[in-house]
């Protein structure tokens, strides 16, 4: 295992987001395009959703069931274009016993955009 300094860990912006919309990325078997609410607002004060691409379609063919779930994300990764879609963050999950991803979620309801400390 390679260790990172605590100062490097503190640089990560990990927040709780609510999944508002999910659609499959066309012409792929694995990718889903998520629209996530982190309680961010635009210049006009309107809620701004963040787009994040994740390879979960094979595990969630019924991806609509993910809408409304609160999941942890890393927000301050460099944006990345995947199959023509810009991804602005990374979903956090661990490998489950059956190999399916298990989302890291809040034990109790928490505010959208709450930061991990």
PDB file of N, CA and C in Angstrom:
ATOM      1  N   UNK A   1       0.846  -1.174   0.000  1.00  0.00           N
ATOM      2  CA  UNK A   1       0.000   0.000   0.000  1.00  0.00           C
ATOM      3  C   UNK A   1       0.891   1.238   0.000  1.00  0.00           C
ATOM      4  N   UNK A   2       0.509   2.172  -0.841  1.00  0.00           N
ATOM      5  CA  UNK A   2       1.234   3.436  -0.891  1.00  0.00           C
ATOM      6  C   UNK A   2       0.484   4.462  -0.042  1.00  0.00           C
ATOM      7  N   UNK A   3       1.193   5.123   0.857  1.00  0.00           N
ATOM      8  CA  UNK A   3       0.584   6.117   1.731  1.00  0.00           C
ATOM      9  C   UNK A   3       0.556   7.484   1.063  1.00  0.00           C
ATOM     10  N   UNK A   4      -0.473   8.259   1.394  1.00  0.00           N
ATOM     11  CA  UNK A   4      -0.539   9.651   0.968  1.00  0.00           C
ATOM     12  C   UNK A   4      -0.481  10.513   2.218  1.00  0.00           C
ATOM     13  N   UNK A   5       0.005  11.685   2.045  1.00  0.00           N
ATOM     14  CA  UNK A   5       0.083  12.601   3.175  1.00  0.00           C
ATOM     15  C   UNK A   5      -1.317  13.128   3.501  1.00  0.00           C
ATOM     16  N   UNK A   6      -1.530  13.421   4.764  1.00  0.00           N
ATOM     17  CA  UNK A   6      -2.806  13.942   5.212  1.00  0.00           C
ATOM     18  C   UNK A   6      -3.156  15.220   4.459  1.00  0.00           C
ATOM     19  N   UNK A   7      -2.167  16.040   4.180  1.00  0.00           N
ATOM     20  CA  UNK A   7      -2.400  17.291   3.454  1.00  0.00           C
ATOM     21  C   UNK A   7      -2.965  17.009   2.059  1.00  0.00           C
ATOM     22  N   UNK A   8      -2.514  15.917   1.441  1.00  0.00           N
ATOM     23  CA  UNK A   8      -3.042  15.547   0.124  1.00  0.00           C
ATOM     24  C   UNK A   8      -4.486  15.080   0.235  1.00  0.00           C
ATOM     25  N   UNK A   9      -4.800  14.289   1.258  1.00  0.00           N
ATOM     26  CA  UNK A   9      -6.168  13.839   1.471  1.00  0.00           C
ATOM     27  C   UNK A   9      -7.103  15.027   1.683  1.00  0.00           C
ATOM     28  N   UNK A  10      -6.662  16.018   2.435  1.00  0.00           N
ATOM     29  CA  UNK A  10      -7.494  17.188   2.718  1.00  0.00           C
ATOM     30  C   UNK A  10      -7.854  17.964   1.456  1.00  0.00           C
ATOM     31  N   UNK A  11      -7.085  17.782   0.389  1.00  0.00           N
ATOM     32  CA  UNK A  11      -7.363  18.480  -0.864  1.00  0.00           C
ATOM     33  C   UNK A  11      -8.594  17.920  -1.576  1.00  0.00           C
ATOM     34  N   UNK A  12      -8.982  16.690  -1.238  1.00  0.00           N
ATOM     35  CA  UNK A  12     -10.121  16.059  -1.913  1.00  0.00           C
ATOM     36  C   UNK A  12     -11.426  16.660  -1.406  1.00  0.00           C
ATOM     37  N   UNK A  13     -12.297  17.013  -2.336  1.00  0.00           N
ATOM     38  CA  UNK A  13     -13.613  17.556  -2.011  1.00  0.00           C
ATOM     39  C   UNK A  13     -14.630  16.429  -2.217  1.00  0.00           C
ATOM     40  N   UNK A  14     -14.998  15.759  -1.120  1.00  0.00           N
ATOM     41  CA  UNK A  14     -15.926  14.635  -1.166  1.00  0.00           C
ATOM     42  C   UNK A  14     -17.250  15.113  -0.583  1.00  0.00           C
ATOM     43  N   UNK A  15     -18.314  14.963  -1.373  1.00  0.00           N
ATOM     44  CA  UNK A  15     -19.623  15.484  -0.959  1.00  0.00           C
ATOM     45  C   UNK A  15     -20.736  14.483  -1.250  1.00  0.00           C
ATOM     46  N   UNK A  16     -21.816  14.669  -0.519  1.00  0.00           N
ATOM     47  CA  UNK A  16     -23.019  13.871  -0.699  1.00  0.00           C
ATOM     48  C   UNK A  16     -23.877  14.524  -1.768  1.00  0.00           C
ATOM     49  N   UNK A  17     -24.254  13.752  -2.765  1.00  0.00           N
ATOM     50  CA  UNK A  17     -25.100  14.276  -3.834  1.00  0.00           C
ATOM     51  C   UNK A  17     -26.324  13.406  -4.034  1.00  0.00           C
ATOM     52  N   UNK A  18     -27.384  14.011  -4.541  1.00  0.00           N
ATOM     53  CA  UNK A  18     -28.615  13.288  -4.829  1.00  0.00           C
ATOM     54  C   UNK A  18     -28.735  13.075  -6.330  1.00  0.00           C
ATOM     55  N   UNK A  19     -28.943  11.834  -6.728  1.00  0.00           N
ATOM     56  CA  UNK A  19     -29.098  11.494  -8.144  1.00  0.00           C
ATOM     57  C   UNK A  19     -30.466  11.987  -8.610  1.00  0.00           C
ATOM     58  N   UNK A  20     -30.468  12.889  -9.590  1.00  0.00           N
ATOM     59  CA  UNK A  20     -31.708  13.471 -10.105  1.00  0.00           C
ATOM     60  C   UNK A  20     -32.145  12.847 -11.428  1.00  0.00           C
ATOM     61  N   UNK A  21     -31.178  12.399 -12.220  1.00  0.00           N
ATOM     62  CA  UNK A  21     -31.496  11.828 -13.536  1.00  0.00           C
ATOM     63  C   UNK A  21     -30.388  10.862 -13.923  1.00  0.00           C
ATOM     64  N   UNK A  22     -30.773   9.791 -14.618  1.00  0.00           N
ATOM     65  CA  UNK A  22     -29.801   8.824 -15.133  1.00  0.00           C
ATOM     66  C   UNK A  22     -30.263   8.385 -16.513  1.00  0.00           C
ATOM     67  N   UNK A  23     -29.332   8.429 -17.478  1.00  0.00           N
ATOM     68  CA  UNK A  23     -29.631   7.902 -18.815  1.00  0.00           C
ATOM     69  C   UNK A  23     -28.421   7.105 -19.296  1.00  0.00           C
ATOM     70  N   UNK A  24     -28.648   6.095 -20.126  1.00  0.00           N
ATOM     71  CA  UNK A  24     -27.518   5.361 -20.698  1.00  0.00           C
ATOM     72  C   UNK A  24     -26.776   6.245 -21.704  1.00  0.00           C
ATOM     73  N   UNK A  25     -25.463   6.093 -21.748  1.00  0.00           N
ATOM     74  CA  UNK A  25     -24.672   6.789 -22.768  1.00  0.00           C
ATOM     75  C   UNK A  25     -24.831   5.988 -24.061  1.00  0.00           C
ATOM     76  N   UNK A  26     -25.306   6.646 -25.136  1.00  0.00           N
ATOM     77  CA  UNK A  26     -25.532   5.937 -26.399  1.00  0.00           C
ATOM     78  C   UNK A  26     -24.280   5.225 -26.904  1.00  0.00           C
ATOM     79  N   UNK A  27     -24.526   4.098 -27.546  1.00  0.00           N
ATOM     80  CA  UNK A  27     -23.474   3.302 -28.181  1.00  0.00           C
ATOM     81  C   UNK A  27     -22.459   2.734 -27.194  1.00  0.00           C
ATOM     82  N   UNK A  28     -22.857   2.572 -25.933  1.00  0.00           N
ATOM     83  CA  UNK A  28     -22.014   1.901 -24.938  1.00  0.00           C
ATOM     84  C   UNK A  28     -22.884   0.909 -24.174  1.00  0.00           C
ATOM     85  N   UNK A  29     -22.244  -0.102 -23.612  1.00  0.00           N
ATOM     86  CA  UNK A  29     -22.957  -1.100 -22.813  1.00  0.00           C
ATOM     87  C   UNK A  29     -22.816  -0.845 -21.321  1.00  0.00           C
ATOM     88  N   UNK A  30     -21.811  -0.065 -20.921  1.00  0.00           N
ATOM     89  CA  UNK A  30     -21.496   0.078 -19.504  1.00  0.00           C
ATOM     90  C   UNK A  30     -21.768   1.449 -18.914  1.00  0.00           C
ATOM     91  N   UNK A  31     -21.769   2.493 -19.724  1.00  0.00           N
ATOM     92  CA  UNK A  31     -21.781   3.847 -19.182  1.00  0.00           C
ATOM     93  C   UNK A  31     -23.178   4.404 -18.944  1.00  0.00           C
ATOM     94  N   UNK A  32     -23.302   5.073 -17.798  1.00  0.00           N
ATOM     95  CA  UNK A  32     -24.508   5.826 -17.471  1.00  0.00           C
ATOM     96  C   UNK A  32     -24.114   7.284 -17.255  1.00  0.00           C
ATOM     97  N   UNK A  33     -24.987   8.181 -17.671  1.00  0.00           N
ATOM     98  CA  UNK A  33     -24.794   9.615 -17.495  1.00  0.00           C
ATOM     99  C   UNK A  33     -25.720  10.075 -16.370  1.00  0.00           C
ATOM    100  N   UNK A  34     -25.125  10.522 -15.270  1.00  0.00           N
ATOM    101  CA  UNK A  34     -25.860  10.965 -14.092  1.00  0.00           C
ATOM    102  C   UNK A  34     -25.919  12.480 -14.040  1.00  0.00           C
ATOM    103  N   UNK A  35     -27.042  13.019 -13.609  1.00  0.00           N
ATOM    104  CA  UNK A  35     -27.185  14.426 -13.272  1.00  0.00           C
ATOM    105  C   UNK A  35     -27.366  14.452 -11.755  1.00  0.00           C
ATOM    106  N   UNK A  36     -26.437  15.108 -11.055  1.00  0.00           N
ATOM    107  CA  UNK A  36     -26.381  15.050  -9.600  1.00  0.00           C
ATOM    108  C   UNK A  36     -26.581  16.442  -9.002  1.00  0.00           C
ATOM    109  N   UNK A  37     -27.391  16.495  -7.953  1.00  0.00           N
ATOM    110  CA  UNK A  37     -27.616  17.729  -7.202  1.00  0.00           C
ATOM    111  C   UNK A  37     -26.675  17.752  -5.995  1.00  0.00           C
ATOM    112  N   UNK A  38     -25.796  18.756  -5.963  1.00  0.00           N
ATOM    113  CA  UNK A  38     -24.892  18.981  -4.834  1.00  0.00           C
ATOM    114  C   UNK A  38     -25.222  20.288  -4.126  1.00  0.00           C
ATOM    115  N   UNK A  39     -26.399  20.824  -4.416  1.00  0.00           N
ATOM    116  CA  UNK A  39     -26.818  22.109  -3.850  1.00  0.00           C
ATOM    117  C   UNK A  39     -25.914  23.241  -4.329  1.00  0.00           C
ATOM    118  N   UNK A  40     -25.417  23.104  -5.560  1.00  0.00           N
ATOM    119  CA  UNK A  40     -24.631  24.170  -6.187  1.00  0.00           C
ATOM    120  C   UNK A  40     -25.602  25.054  -6.959  1.00  0.00           C
ATOM    121  N   UNK A  41     -25.302  26.335  -7.028  1.00  0.00           N
ATOM    122  CA  UNK A  41     -26.172  27.263  -7.747  1.00  0.00           C
ATOM    123  C   UNK A  41     -25.387  28.010  -8.816  1.00  0.00           C
ATOM    124  N   UNK A  42     -26.103  28.410  -9.868  1.00  0.00           N
ATOM    125  CA  UNK A  42     -25.470  29.188 -10.928  1.00  0.00           C
ATOM    126  C   UNK A  42     -25.531  30.674 -10.582  1.00  0.00           C
ATOM    127  N   UNK A  43     -25.139  31.513 -11.534  1.00  0.00           N
ATOM    128  CA  UNK A  43     -25.085  32.959 -11.306  1.00  0.00           C
ATOM    129  C   UNK A  43     -26.451  33.555 -11.000  1.00  0.00           C
ATOM    130  N   UNK A  44     -27.504  32.888 -11.469  1.00  0.00           N
ATOM    131  CA  UNK A  44     -28.870  33.387 -11.263  1.00  0.00           C
ATOM    132  C   UNK A  44     -29.510  32.810 -10.000  1.00  0.00           C
ATOM    133  N   UNK A  45     -28.748  31.996  -9.261  1.00  0.00           N
ATOM    134  CA  UNK A  45     -29.269  31.406  -8.031  1.00  0.00           C
ATOM    135  C   UNK A  45     -30.077  30.133  -8.225  1.00  0.00           C
ATOM    136  N   UNK A  46     -30.062  29.580  -9.448  1.00  0.00           N
ATOM    137  CA  UNK A  46     -30.785  28.345  -9.732  1.00  0.00           C
ATOM    138  C   UNK A  46     -29.893  27.144  -9.443  1.00  0.00           C
ATOM    139  N   UNK A  47     -30.509  26.052  -8.978  1.00  0.00           N
ATOM    140  CA  UNK A  47     -29.755  24.827  -8.711  1.00  0.00           C
ATOM    141  C   UNK A  47     -29.088  24.356 -10.001  1.00  0.00           C
ATOM    142  N   UNK A  48     -27.807  24.067  -9.899  1.00  0.00           N
ATOM    143  CA  UNK A  48     -27.013  23.613 -11.036  1.00  0.00           C
ATOM    144  C   UNK A  48     -26.672  22.143 -10.799  1.00  0.00           C
ATOM    145  N   UNK A  49     -27.088  21.277 -11.722  1.00  0.00           N
ATOM    146  CA  UNK A  49     -26.769  19.856 -11.613  1.00  0.00           C
ATOM    147  C   UNK A  49     -25.394  19.601 -12.215  1.00  0.00           C
ATOM    148  N   UNK A  50     -24.707  18.627 -11.664  1.00  0.00           N
ATOM    149  CA  UNK A  50     -23.376  18.263 -12.139  1.00  0.00           C
ATOM    150  C   UNK A  50     -23.476  16.933 -12.870  1.00  0.00           C
ATOM    151  N   UNK A  51     -22.875  16.848 -14.047  1.00  0.00           N
ATOM    152  CA  UNK A  51     -22.893  15.627 -14.842  1.00  0.00           C
ATOM    153  C   UNK A  51     -21.696  14.759 -14.493  1.00  0.00           C
ATOM    154  N   UNK A  52     -21.973  13.485 -14.202  1.00  0.00           N
ATOM    155  CA  UNK A  52     -20.918  12.525 -13.888  1.00  0.00           C
ATOM    156  C   UNK A  52     -21.201  11.240 -14.656  1.00  0.00           C
ATOM    157  N   UNK A  53     -20.189  10.730 -15.341  1.00  0.00           N
ATOM    158  CA  UNK A  53     -20.309   9.504 -16.117  1.00  0.00           C
ATOM    159  C   UNK A  53     -19.711   8.365 -15.299  1.00  0.00           C
ATOM    160  N   UNK A  54     -20.416   7.241 -15.278  1.00  0.00           N
ATOM    161  CA  UNK A  54     -19.942   6.103 -14.494  1.00  0.00           C
ATOM    162  C   UNK A  54     -20.284   4.801 -15.205  1.00  0.00           C
ATOM    163  N   UNK A  55     -19.415   3.822 -15.089  1.00  0.00           N
ATOM    164  CA  UNK A  55     -19.585   2.527 -15.758  1.00  0.00           C
ATOM    165  C   UNK A  55     -20.399   1.538 -14.949  1.00  0.00           C
ATOM    166  N   UNK A  56     -21.648   1.870 -14.682  1.00  0.00           N
ATOM    167  CA  UNK A  56     -22.483   1.041 -13.815  1.00  0.00           C
ATOM    168  C   UNK A  56     -23.649   0.356 -14.518  1.00  0.00           C
ATOM    169  N   UNK A  57     -23.816   0.591 -15.813  1.00  0.00           N
ATOM    170  CA  UNK A  57     -25.006   0.086 -16.499  1.00  0.00           C
ATOM    171  C   UNK A  57     -25.146  -1.431 -16.393  1.00  0.00           C
ATOM    172  N   UNK A  58     -24.047  -2.163 -16.481  1.00  0.00           N
ATOM    173  CA  UNK A  58     -24.142  -3.625 -16.415  1.00  0.00           C
ATOM    174  C   UNK A  58     -24.634  -4.099 -15.046  1.00  0.00           C
ATOM    175  N   UNK A  59     -24.386  -3.317 -13.999  1.00  0.00           N
ATOM    176  CA  UNK A  59     -24.815  -3.679 -12.651  1.00  0.00           C
ATOM    177  C   UNK A  59     -26.210  -3.149 -12.328  1.00  0.00           C
ATOM    178  N   UNK A  60     -26.635  -2.126 -13.045  1.00  0.00           N
ATOM    179  CA  UNK A  60     -27.935  -1.500 -12.818  1.00  0.00           C
ATOM    180  C   UNK A  60     -28.694  -1.365 -14.133  1.00  0.00           C
ATOM    181  N   UNK A  61     -29.124  -2.506 -14.712  1.00  0.00           N
ATOM    182  CA  UNK A  61     -29.916  -2.392 -15.942  1.00  0.00           C
ATOM    183  C   UNK A  61     -31.216  -1.637 -15.681  1.00  0.00           C
ATOM    184  N   UNK A  62     -31.681  -1.657 -14.426  1.00  0.00           N
ATOM    185  CA  UNK A  62     -32.858  -0.897 -14.007  1.00  0.00           C
ATOM    186  C   UNK A  62     -32.405   0.416 -13.368  1.00  0.00           C
ATOM    187  N   UNK A  63     -31.534   1.129 -14.084  1.00  0.00           N
ATOM    188  CA  UNK A  63     -30.859   2.329 -13.581  1.00  0.00           C
ATOM    189  C   UNK A  63     -31.802   3.400 -13.045  1.00  0.00           C
ATOM    190  N   UNK A  64     -33.064   3.386 -13.475  1.00  0.00           N
ATOM    191  CA  UNK A  64     -34.025   4.389 -12.983  1.00  0.00           C
ATOM    192  C   UNK A  64     -34.212   4.293 -11.471  1.00  0.00           C
ATOM    193  N   UNK A  65     -33.955   3.103 -10.903  1.00  0.00           N
ATOM    194  CA  UNK A  65     -34.108   2.917  -9.451  1.00  0.00           C
ATOM    195  C   UNK A  65     -33.063   3.705  -8.665  1.00  0.00           C
ATOM    196  N   UNK A  66     -32.032   4.215  -9.336  1.00  0.00           N
ATOM    197  CA  UNK A  66     -30.996   4.998  -8.667  1.00  0.00           C
ATOM    198  C   UNK A  66     -31.429   6.440  -8.411  1.00  0.00           C
ATOM    199  N   UNK A  67     -32.448   6.892  -9.121  1.00  0.00           N
ATOM    200  CA  UNK A  67     -32.916   8.281  -8.967  1.00  0.00           C
ATOM    201  C   UNK A  67     -33.405   8.488  -7.528  1.00  0.00           C
ATOM    202  N   UNK A  68     -32.906   9.556  -6.924  1.00  0.00           N
ATOM    203  CA  UNK A  68     -33.272   9.890  -5.555  1.00  0.00           C
ATOM    204  C   UNK A  68     -32.278   9.411  -4.514  1.00  0.00           C
ATOM    205  N   UNK A  69     -31.376   8.508  -4.886  1.00  0.00           N
ATOM    206  CA  UNK A  69     -30.382   8.018  -3.923  1.00  0.00           C
ATOM    207  C   UNK A  69     -29.357   9.100  -3.633  1.00  0.00           C
ATOM    208  N   UNK A  70     -28.895   9.136  -2.387  1.00  0.00           N
ATOM    209  CA  UNK A  70     -27.808  10.034  -1.999  1.00  0.00           C
ATOM    210  C   UNK A  70     -26.535   9.203  -1.906  1.00  0.00           C
ATOM    211  N   UNK A  71     -25.514   9.632  -2.645  1.00  0.00           N
ATOM    212  CA  UNK A  71     -24.271   8.887  -2.765  1.00  0.00           C
ATOM    213  C   UNK A  71     -23.104   9.865  -2.616  1.00  0.00           C
ATOM    214  N   UNK A  72     -21.950   9.345  -2.204  1.00  0.00           N
ATOM    215  CA  UNK A  72     -20.749  10.178  -2.083  1.00  0.00           C
ATOM    216  C   UNK A  72     -20.010  10.252  -3.409  1.00  0.00           C
ATOM    217  N   UNK A  73     -19.458  11.439  -3.669  1.00  0.00           N
ATOM    218  CA  UNK A  73     -18.708  11.705  -4.896  1.00  0.00           C
ATOM    219  C   UNK A  73     -17.470  12.524  -4.562  1.00  0.00           C
ATOM    220  N   UNK A  74     -16.438  12.346  -5.379  1.00  0.00           N
ATOM    221  CA  UNK A  74     -15.278  13.240  -5.340  1.00  0.00           C
ATOM    222  C   UNK A  74     -15.538  14.295  -6.408  1.00  0.00           C
ATOM    223  N   UNK A  75     -15.565  15.571  -5.994  1.00  0.00           N
ATOM    224  CA  UNK A  75     -15.949  16.633  -6.927  1.00  0.00           C
ATOM    225  C   UNK A  75     -14.784  17.349  -7.590  1.00  0.00           C
ATOM    226  N   UNK A  76     -13.633  17.381  -6.949  1.00  0.00           N
ATOM    227  CA  UNK A  76     -12.578  18.232  -7.494  1.00  0.00           C
ATOM    228  C   UNK A  76     -11.547  17.475  -8.327  1.00  0.00           C
ATOM    229  N   UNK A  77     -12.012  16.475  -9.062  1.00  0.00           N
ATOM    230  CA  UNK A  77     -11.158  15.849 -10.069  1.00  0.00           C
ATOM    231  C   UNK A  77     -11.219  16.689 -11.333  1.00  0.00           C
ATOM    232  N   UNK A  78     -10.163  16.633 -12.113  1.00  0.00           N
ATOM    233  CA  UNK A  78     -10.194  17.330 -13.401  1.00  0.00           C
ATOM    234  C   UNK A  78     -11.330  16.771 -14.241  1.00  0.00           C
ATOM    235  N   UNK A  79     -12.083  17.630 -14.943  1.00  0.00           N
ATOM    236  CA  UNK A  79     -13.129  17.116 -15.837  1.00  0.00           C
ATOM    237  C   UNK A  79     -12.506  16.191 -16.886  1.00  0.00           C
ATOM    238  N   UNK A  80     -13.283  15.211 -17.275  1.00  0.00           N
ATOM    239  CA  UNK A  80     -12.802  14.215 -18.230  1.00  0.00           C
ATOM    240  C   UNK A  80     -13.904  13.954 -19.250  1.00  0.00           C
ATOM    241  N   UNK A  81     -13.553  13.859 -20.522  1.00  0.00           N
ATOM    242  CA  UNK A  81     -14.537  13.552 -21.553  1.00  0.00           C
ATOM    243  C   UNK A  81     -14.496  12.063 -21.838  1.00  0.00           C
ATOM    244  N   UNK A  82     -15.670  11.424 -21.699  1.00  0.00           N
ATOM    245  CA  UNK A  82     -15.790   9.985 -21.903  1.00  0.00           C
ATOM    246  C   UNK A  82     -16.880   9.759 -22.944  1.00  0.00           C
ATOM    247  N   UNK A  83     -16.512   9.205 -24.085  1.00  0.00           N
ATOM    248  CA  UNK A  83     -17.449   8.950 -25.186  1.00  0.00           C
ATOM    249  C   UNK A  83     -18.250  10.199 -25.547  1.00  0.00           C
ATOM    250  N   UNK A  84     -17.590  11.358 -25.512  1.00  0.00           N
ATOM    251  CA  UNK A  84     -18.218  12.608 -25.897  1.00  0.00           C
ATOM    252  C   UNK A  84     -18.988  13.310 -24.791  1.00  0.00           C
ATOM    253  N   UNK A  85     -19.029  12.745 -23.607  1.00  0.00           N
ATOM    254  CA  UNK A  85     -19.733  13.340 -22.465  1.00  0.00           C
ATOM    255  C   UNK A  85     -18.719  13.788 -21.430  1.00  0.00           C
ATOM    256  N   UNK A  86     -18.866  15.020 -20.961  1.00  0.00           N
ATOM    257  CA  UNK A  86     -17.962  15.514 -19.934  1.00  0.00           C
ATOM    258  C   UNK A  86     -18.402  14.998 -18.562  1.00  0.00           C
ATOM    259  N   UNK A  87     -17.440  14.458 -17.822  1.00  0.00           N
ATOM    260  CA  UNK A  87     -17.696  13.975 -16.466  1.00  0.00           C
ATOM    261  C   UNK A  87     -16.995  14.904 -15.489  1.00  0.00           C
ATOM    262  N   UNK A  88     -17.750  15.360 -14.486  1.00  0.00           N
ATOM    263  CA  UNK A  88     -17.239  16.348 -13.538  1.00  0.00           C
ATOM    264  C   UNK A  88     -17.279  15.820 -12.112  1.00  0.00           C
ATOM    265  N   UNK A  89     -16.611  14.699 -11.899  1.00  0.00           N
ATOM    266  CA  UNK A  89     -16.539  14.094 -10.579  1.00  0.00           C
ATOM    267  C   UNK A  89     -16.475  12.590 -10.690  1.00  0.00           C
ATOM    268  N   UNK A  90     -16.428  11.926  -9.527  1.00  0.00           N
ATOM    269  CA  UNK A  90     -16.362  10.471  -9.507  1.00  0.00           C
ATOM    270  C   UNK A  90     -17.222   9.923  -8.375  1.00  0.00           C
ATOM    271  N   UNK A  91     -18.067   8.986  -8.730  1.00  0.00           N
ATOM    272  CA  UNK A  91     -18.898   8.282  -7.774  1.00  0.00           C
ATOM    273  C   UNK A  91     -18.014   7.401  -6.899  1.00  0.00           C
ATOM    274  N   UNK A  92     -18.333   7.321  -5.611  1.00  0.00           N
ATOM    275  CA  UNK A  92     -17.556   6.475  -4.706  1.00  0.00           C
ATOM    276  C   UNK A  92     -18.354   5.215  -4.383  1.00  0.00           C
ATOM    277  N   UNK A  93     -17.728   4.063  -4.595  1.00  0.00           N
ATOM    278  CA  UNK A  93     -18.338   2.774  -4.302  1.00  0.00           C
ATOM    279  C   UNK A  93     -17.222   1.795  -3.947  1.00  0.00           C
ATOM    280  N   UNK A  94     -17.605   0.703  -3.314  1.00  0.00           N
ATOM    281  CA  UNK A  94     -16.661  -0.367  -3.004  1.00  0.00           C
ATOM    282  C   UNK A  94     -17.159  -1.635  -3.684  1.00  0.00           C
ATOM    283  N   UNK A  95     -16.279  -2.617  -3.814  1.00  0.00           N
ATOM    284  CA  UNK A  95     -16.678  -3.893  -4.397  1.00  0.00           C
ATOM    285  C   UNK A  95     -17.478  -4.684  -3.379  1.00  0.00           C
ATOM    286  N   UNK A  96     -18.691  -5.075  -3.753  1.00  0.00           N
ATOM    287  CA  UNK A  96     -19.533  -5.882  -2.886  1.00  0.00           C
ATOM    288  C   UNK A  96     -19.107  -7.340  -2.908  1.00  0.00           C
ATOM    289  N   UNK A  97     -19.679  -8.118  -2.024  1.00  0.00           N
ATOM    290  CA  UNK A  97     -19.351  -9.544  -1.927  1.00  0.00           C
ATOM    291  C   UNK A  97     -19.610 -10.253  -3.247  1.00  0.00           C
ATOM    292  N   UNK A  98     -20.679  -9.858  -3.938  1.00  0.00           N
ATOM    293  CA  UNK A  98     -21.039 -10.495  -5.210  1.00  0.00           C
ATOM    294  C   UNK A  98     -20.374  -9.829  -6.411  1.00  0.00           C
ATOM    295  N   UNK A  99     -19.467  -8.880  -6.164  1.00  0.00           N
ATOM    296  CA  UNK A  99     -18.774  -8.196  -7.249  1.00  0.00           C
ATOM    297  C   UNK A  99     -19.478  -6.944  -7.737  1.00  0.00           C
ATOM    298  N   UNK A 100     -20.722  -6.738  -7.323  1.00  0.00           N
ATOM    299  CA  UNK A 100     -21.447  -5.523  -7.705  1.00  0.00           C
ATOM    300  C   UNK A 100     -20.946  -4.358  -6.865  1.00  0.00           C
ATOM    301  N   UNK A 101     -20.943  -3.155  -7.424  1.00  0.00           N
ATOM    302  CA  UNK A 101     -20.537  -1.998  -6.634  1.00  0.00           C
ATOM    303  C   UNK A 101     -21.551  -1.707  -5.523  1.00  0.00           C
ATOM    304  N   UNK A 102     -21.025  -1.331  -4.379  1.00  0.00           N
ATOM    305  CA  UNK A 102     -21.849  -0.929  -3.246  1.00  0.00           C
ATOM    306  C   UNK A 102     -21.566   0.549  -3.020  1.00  0.00           C
ATOM    307  N   UNK A 103     -22.624   1.370  -3.070  1.00  0.00           N
ATOM    308  CA  UNK A 103     -22.458   2.806  -2.905  1.00  0.00           C
ATOM    309  C   UNK A 103     -22.125   3.155  -1.468  1.00  0.00           C
ATOM    310  N   UNK A 104     -21.321   4.183  -1.299  1.00  0.00           N
ATOM    311  CA  UNK A 104     -21.049   4.729   0.022  1.00  0.00           C
ATOM    312  C   UNK A 104     -22.109   5.784   0.275  1.00  0.00           C
ATOM    313  N   UNK A 105     -22.930   5.541   1.276  1.00  0.00           N
ATOM    314  CA  UNK A 105     -24.079   6.402   1.540  1.00  0.00           C
ATOM    315  C   UNK A 105     -24.062   6.883   2.983  1.00  0.00           C
ATOM    316  N   UNK A 106     -24.877   7.866   3.262  1.00  0.00           N
ATOM    317  CA  UNK A 106     -25.006   8.412   4.601  1.00  0.00           C
ATOM    318  C   UNK A 106     -25.831   7.466   5.471  1.00  0.00           C
ATOM    319  N   UNK A 107     -25.400   7.281   6.705  1.00  0.00           N
ATOM    320  CA  UNK A 107     -26.122   6.439   7.658  1.00  0.00           C
ATOM    321  C   UNK A 107     -27.496   7.018   7.969  1.00  0.00           C
ATOM    322  N   UNK A 108     -27.571   8.344   8.006  1.00  0.00           N
ATOM    323  CA  UNK A 108     -28.818   9.057   8.261  1.00  0.00           C
ATOM    324  C   UNK A 108     -28.967  10.108   7.177  1.00  0.00           C
ATOM    325  N   UNK A 109     -30.192  10.583   6.958  1.00  0.00           N
ATOM    326  CA  UNK A 109     -30.359  11.643   5.950  1.00  0.00           C
ATOM    327  C   UNK A 109     -29.453  12.843   6.282  1.00  0.00           C
ATOM    328  N   UNK A 110     -28.848  13.372   5.254  1.00  0.00           N
ATOM    329  CA  UNK A 110     -27.964  14.518   5.409  1.00  0.00           C
ATOM    330  C   UNK A 110     -28.264  15.519   4.304  1.00  0.00           C
ATOM    331  N   UNK A 111     -27.825  16.733   4.497  1.00  0.00           N
ATOM    332  CA  UNK A 111     -28.072  17.774   3.512  1.00  0.00           C
ATOM    333  C   UNK A 111     -27.336  17.517   2.204  1.00  0.00           C
ATOM    334  N   UNK A 112     -28.034  17.795   1.107  1.00  0.00           N
ATOM    335  CA  UNK A 112     -27.414  17.686  -0.207  1.00  0.00           C
ATOM    336  C   UNK A 112     -26.201  18.595  -0.251  1.00  0.00           C
ATOM    337  N   UNK A 113     -25.085  18.075  -0.723  1.00  0.00           N
ATOM    338  CA  UNK A 113     -23.855  18.858  -0.810  1.00  0.00           C
ATOM    339  C   UNK A 113     -23.021  18.823   0.459  1.00  0.00           C
ATOM    340  N   UNK A 114     -23.473  18.068   1.483  1.00  0.00           N
ATOM    341  CA  UNK A 114     -22.689  17.954   2.719  1.00  0.00           C
ATOM    342  C   UNK A 114     -21.301  17.418   2.415  1.00  0.00           C
ATOM    343  N   UNK A 115     -20.310  18.025   3.038  1.00  0.00           N
ATOM    344  CA  UNK A 115     -18.920  17.678   2.784  1.00  0.00           C
ATOM    345  C   UNK A 115     -18.433  16.630   3.794  1.00  0.00           C
ATOM    346  N   UNK A 116     -17.658  15.675   3.303  1.00  0.00           N
ATOM    347  CA  UNK A 116     -17.041  14.659   4.164  1.00  0.00           C
ATOM    348  C   UNK A 116     -15.895  15.307   4.898  1.00  0.00           C
ATOM    349  N   UNK A 117     -15.833  15.053   6.220  1.00  0.00           N
ATOM    350  CA  UNK A 117     -14.726  15.595   7.020  1.00  0.00           C
ATOM    351  C   UNK A 117     -14.085  14.490   7.816  1.00  0.00           C
TER     352      UNK A 117
END
